[in-house]
Amino acid sequence: MKSTSHTITTTASRIVVSNSGAQKVYIHVVGNGTVYLGGSDVDSTNGMLTQKNAVPIELFIPRGNELWAVVASGTETLKILQENGAS
């Protein structure tokens, strides 16, 4: 497994890069803010809403896809755990 930490701001950030195979990732929003997940065009109106300070969520990322994150205001910390071989 590979662990990473990301500080998410109001500018979309790539948090999972594309890979030659499918990836399973676990995402944990550390604080009390809301993080929105999606593609490179993610924003607070079209992103998948995460729960504040909740248990980690498991996502399946298909081969060749990326995952991006953004917040509506301020900053938030995300912790990500990926399978071995993930970028």
Protein backbone atom coordinates (compact mmCIF):
# COMPACT_ATOMS: atom_id res chain seq x y z
CA MET A 1 0.00 0.00 0.00
CA LYS A 2 1.04 3.59 -0.61
CA SER A 3 0.01 6.47 1.68
CA THR A 4 -0.12 10.13 0.65
CA SER A 5 -1.39 13.35 2.18
CA HIS A 6 -2.82 16.28 0.19
CA THR A 7 -3.78 19.81 1.17
CA ILE A 8 -6.89 20.64 -0.86
CA THR A 9 -7.66 24.26 -1.78
CA THR A 10 -10.20 26.11 -3.93
CA THR A 11 -8.17 25.17 -7.02
CA ALA A 12 -8.76 21.58 -8.17
CA SER A 13 -5.88 19.24 -7.27
CA ARG A 14 -5.12 15.86 -8.82
CA ILE A 15 -5.03 13.38 -5.96
CA VAL A 16 -4.87 10.10 -7.92
CA VAL A 17 -3.02 9.90 -11.23
CA SER A 18 -4.03 7.62 -14.09
CA ASN A 19 -2.62 4.13 -14.05
CA SER A 20 -2.35 1.28 -16.57
CA GLY A 21 -4.63 -0.78 -14.34
CA ALA A 22 -7.68 -0.18 -12.19
CA GLN A 23 -7.02 1.16 -8.69
CA LYS A 24 -8.76 0.85 -5.36
CA VAL A 25 -8.20 3.91 -3.17
CA TYR A 26 -9.28 4.86 0.33
CA ILE A 27 -9.85 8.55 1.04
CA HIS A 28 -10.12 10.13 4.47
CA VAL A 29 -11.09 13.78 4.99
CA VAL A 30 -9.21 14.62 8.16
CA GLY A 31 -10.94 17.81 9.31
CA ASN A 32 -14.44 19.22 9.48
CA GLY A 33 -14.50 20.69 5.97
CA THR A 34 -16.25 19.36 2.89
CA VAL A 35 -14.19 18.08 -0.03
CA TYR A 36 -15.64 17.56 -3.51
CA LEU A 37 -14.29 14.75 -5.71
CA GLY A 38 -14.45 14.37 -9.48
CA GLY A 39 -12.56 14.89 -12.70
CA SER A 40 -10.25 17.75 -13.61
CA ASP A 41 -13.31 20.02 -13.92
CA VAL A 42 -14.51 19.35 -10.35
CA ASP A 43 -15.95 22.21 -8.32
CA SER A 44 -18.35 22.60 -5.40
CA THR A 45 -21.40 22.41 -7.71
CA ASN A 46 -20.58 19.27 -9.70
CA GLY A 47 -18.28 17.26 -7.41
CA MET A 48 -19.15 14.24 -5.30
CA LEU A 49 -19.58 15.52 -1.75
CA THR A 50 -17.60 13.85 1.04
CA GLN A 51 -18.80 13.70 4.62
CA LYS A 52 -17.02 15.84 7.15
CA ASN A 53 -14.51 14.04 9.40
CA ALA A 54 -16.04 10.67 8.48
CA VAL A 55 -14.57 7.20 8.13
CA PRO A 56 -12.49 6.67 4.98
CA ILE A 57 -14.40 6.04 1.76
CA GLU A 58 -13.38 3.37 -0.73
CA LEU A 59 -13.36 4.24 -4.43
CA PHE A 60 -12.64 2.19 -7.53
CA ILE A 61 -10.74 4.19 -10.14
CA PRO A 62 -10.93 2.62 -13.63
CA ARG A 63 -7.78 2.19 -15.71
CA GLY A 64 -6.60 5.45 -17.27
CA ASN A 65 -8.70 7.71 -15.02
CA GLU A 66 -7.62 10.34 -12.50
CA LEU A 67 -9.28 11.69 -9.37
CA TRP A 68 -9.32 15.37 -8.45
CA ALA A 69 -10.46 17.22 -5.32
CA VAL A 70 -11.44 20.78 -4.39
CA VAL A 71 -13.01 22.70 -1.49
CA ALA A 72 -15.47 25.62 -1.71
CA SER A 73 -13.40 27.75 0.68
CA GLY A 74 -10.33 27.48 2.88
CA THR A 75 -8.24 24.30 2.87
CA GLU A 76 -8.72 20.71 3.92
CA THR A 77 -6.39 17.74 4.39
CA LEU A 78 -6.99 14.43 2.63
CA LYS A 79 -5.21 11.19 3.44
CA ILE A 80 -5.12 8.62 0.64
CA LEU A 81 -4.22 4.94 0.77
CA GLN A 82 -3.67 3.17 -2.57
CA GLU A 83 -2.88 -0.38 -3.58
CA ASN A 84 0.72 -1.25 -4.43
CA GLY A 85 1.65 -0.34 -7.97
CA ALA A 86 -0.63 2.72 -7.98
CA SER A 87 0.92 6.00 -8.99
